Structure formats: C-alpha cells, structure tokens
Amino acid sequence: METWQQAHLKQENDSLTHRVMHESLTGLPNRAFFEGRLSRALGNINPAEKLAVLFIDGDRFKEVNNR
C-alpha cells in the first residue's frame, strides 16, 4: 500500500509540476520554465564560458492568446 501511495504521489507531483511550467492552451513551456532553466544555466556557468539570451516578445500576444 505504501509503495502504491508513494508512486501515486510522485505521479501527481509530476503532473502538477508540468501544469505549472507549461501553458495550458499550447502545452509549450512558459515563463516560469524559462526562468528556472535560465537560473540553472547562470548558476552552472563557468567564468571562462559565455552565455547569451535572446528574448523575443510578441506585441499584444496576450490579447491574441486570450481570444
């Protein structure tokens, strides 16, 4: 019973994590996902390496997305 309960809780946790990190409409990773990955990349960068970030923002995308 305990093994089943742990497996069920892990599955539920994985599902909730996915819902938090992805847009419900498109299923694509969202800003929280991006910020987590960026934070990890910045934390793991070694001083001899370089890192570039390209951020593209669509004008009025929220309005289009909400329609």
C-alpha atoms as a PDB file:
ATOM      1  CA  MET A   1       0.000   0.000   0.000  1.00  0.00           C
ATOM      2  CA  GLU A   2       2.805   2.399   0.906  1.00  0.00           C
ATOM      3  CA  THR A   3       4.600   1.761  -2.403  1.00  0.00           C
ATOM      4  CA  TRP A   4       1.403   2.476  -4.343  1.00  0.00           C
ATOM      5  CA  GLN A   5       0.823   5.649  -2.323  1.00  0.00           C
ATOM      6  CA  GLN A   6       4.353   6.908  -2.987  1.00  0.00           C
ATOM      7  CA  ALA A   7       4.026   6.161  -6.707  1.00  0.00           C
ATOM      8  CA  HIS A   8       0.661   7.936  -6.819  1.00  0.00           C
ATOM      9  CA  LEU A   9       2.041  10.999  -5.014  1.00  0.00           C
ATOM     10  CA  LYS A  10       5.031  11.147  -7.388  1.00  0.00           C
ATOM     11  CA  GLN A  11       2.749  10.919 -10.414  1.00  0.00           C
ATOM     12  CA  GLU A  12       0.510  13.662  -9.012  1.00  0.00           C
ATOM     13  CA  ASN A  13       3.515  15.854  -8.234  1.00  0.00           C
ATOM     14  CA  ASP A  14       4.926  15.367 -11.755  1.00  0.00           C
ATOM     15  CA  SER A  15       1.545  16.287 -13.248  1.00  0.00           C
ATOM     16  CA  LEU A  16       1.255  19.445 -11.141  1.00  0.00           C
ATOM     17  CA  THR A  17       4.823  20.469 -11.979  1.00  0.00           C
ATOM     18  CA  HIS A  18       4.102  20.091 -15.685  1.00  0.00           C
ATOM     19  CA  ARG A  19       0.918  22.178 -15.383  1.00  0.00           C
ATOM     20  CA  VAL A  20       2.812  24.946 -13.577  1.00  0.00           C
ATOM     21  CA  MET A  21       5.661  25.001 -16.108  1.00  0.00           C
ATOM     22  CA  HIS A  22       3.622  24.808 -19.343  1.00  0.00           C
ATOM     23  CA  GLU A  23       0.871  26.860 -20.941  1.00  0.00           C
ATOM     24  CA  SER A  24      -2.482  25.112 -20.769  1.00  0.00           C
ATOM     25  CA  LEU A  25      -3.557  26.245 -24.245  1.00  0.00           C
ATOM     26  CA  THR A  26      -0.440  25.309 -26.214  1.00  0.00           C
ATOM     27  CA  GLY A  27       1.378  22.884 -23.927  1.00  0.00           C
ATOM     28  CA  LEU A  28       4.554  24.870 -24.542  1.00  0.00           C
ATOM     29  CA  PRO A  29       6.964  25.801 -21.744  1.00  0.00           C
ATOM     30  CA  ASN A  30       6.039  29.080 -20.046  1.00  0.00           C
ATOM     31  CA  ARG A  31       7.962  31.927 -18.403  1.00  0.00           C
ATOM     32  CA  ALA A  32       8.371  30.035 -15.102  1.00  0.00           C
ATOM     33  CA  PHE A  33      10.005  27.176 -17.028  1.00  0.00           C
ATOM     34  CA  PHE A  34      12.283  29.606 -18.876  1.00  0.00           C
ATOM     35  CA  GLU A  35      13.296  31.436 -15.698  1.00  0.00           C
ATOM     36  CA  GLY A  36      14.114  28.154 -13.958  1.00  0.00           C
ATOM     37  CA  ARG A  37      16.264  26.987 -16.849  1.00  0.00           C
ATOM     38  CA  LEU A  38      17.967  30.388 -17.118  1.00  0.00           C
ATOM     39  CA  SER A  39      18.683  30.438 -13.393  1.00  0.00           C
ATOM     40  CA  ARG A  40      20.195  26.951 -13.596  1.00  0.00           C
ATOM     41  CA  ALA A  41      22.291  27.912 -16.636  1.00  0.00           C
ATOM     42  CA  LEU A  42      23.585  31.049 -14.909  1.00  0.00           C
ATOM     43  CA  GLY A  43      24.381  29.089 -11.768  1.00  0.00           C
ATOM     44  CA  ASN A  44      26.316  26.437 -13.693  1.00  0.00           C
ATOM     45  CA  ILE A  45      28.284  28.738 -15.962  1.00  0.00           C
ATOM     46  CA  ASN A  46      31.990  28.712 -15.525  1.00  0.00           C
ATOM     47  CA  PRO A  47      33.830  32.060 -15.651  1.00  0.00           C
ATOM     48  CA  ALA A  48      35.624  31.126 -18.886  1.00  0.00           C
ATOM     49  CA  GLU A  49      32.300  30.485 -20.674  1.00  0.00           C
ATOM     50  CA  LYS A  50      29.916  32.953 -22.209  1.00  0.00           C
ATOM     51  CA  LEU A  51      26.144  32.876 -22.201  1.00  0.00           C
ATOM     52  CA  ALA A  52      23.736  34.730 -24.456  1.00  0.00           C
ATOM     53  CA  VAL A  53      19.988  35.058 -24.032  1.00  0.00           C
ATOM     54  CA  LEU A  54      17.619  36.003 -26.832  1.00  0.00           C
ATOM     55  CA  PHE A  55      14.207  37.156 -25.665  1.00  0.00           C
ATOM     56  CA  ILE A  56      11.512  37.698 -28.278  1.00  0.00           C
ATOM     57  CA  ASP A  57       8.323  39.391 -27.161  1.00  0.00           C
ATOM     58  CA  GLY A  58       5.253  39.395 -29.391  1.00  0.00           C
ATOM     59  CA  ASP A  59       3.292  42.650 -29.291  1.00  0.00           C
ATOM     60  CA  ARG A  60      -0.138  42.156 -27.749  1.00  0.00           C
ATOM     61  CA  PHE A  61       0.370  38.367 -27.686  1.00  0.00           C
ATOM     62  CA  LYS A  62      -1.717  38.106 -24.521  1.00  0.00           C
ATOM     63  CA  GLU A  63      -4.706  39.607 -26.338  1.00  0.00           C
ATOM     64  CA  VAL A  64      -4.319  37.177 -29.218  1.00  0.00           C
ATOM     65  CA  ASN A  65      -3.769  34.263 -26.833  1.00  0.00           C
ATOM     66  CA  ASN A  66      -6.911  35.129 -24.852  1.00  0.00           C
ATOM     67  CA  ARG A  67      -9.072  35.064 -27.970  1.00  0.00           C
END
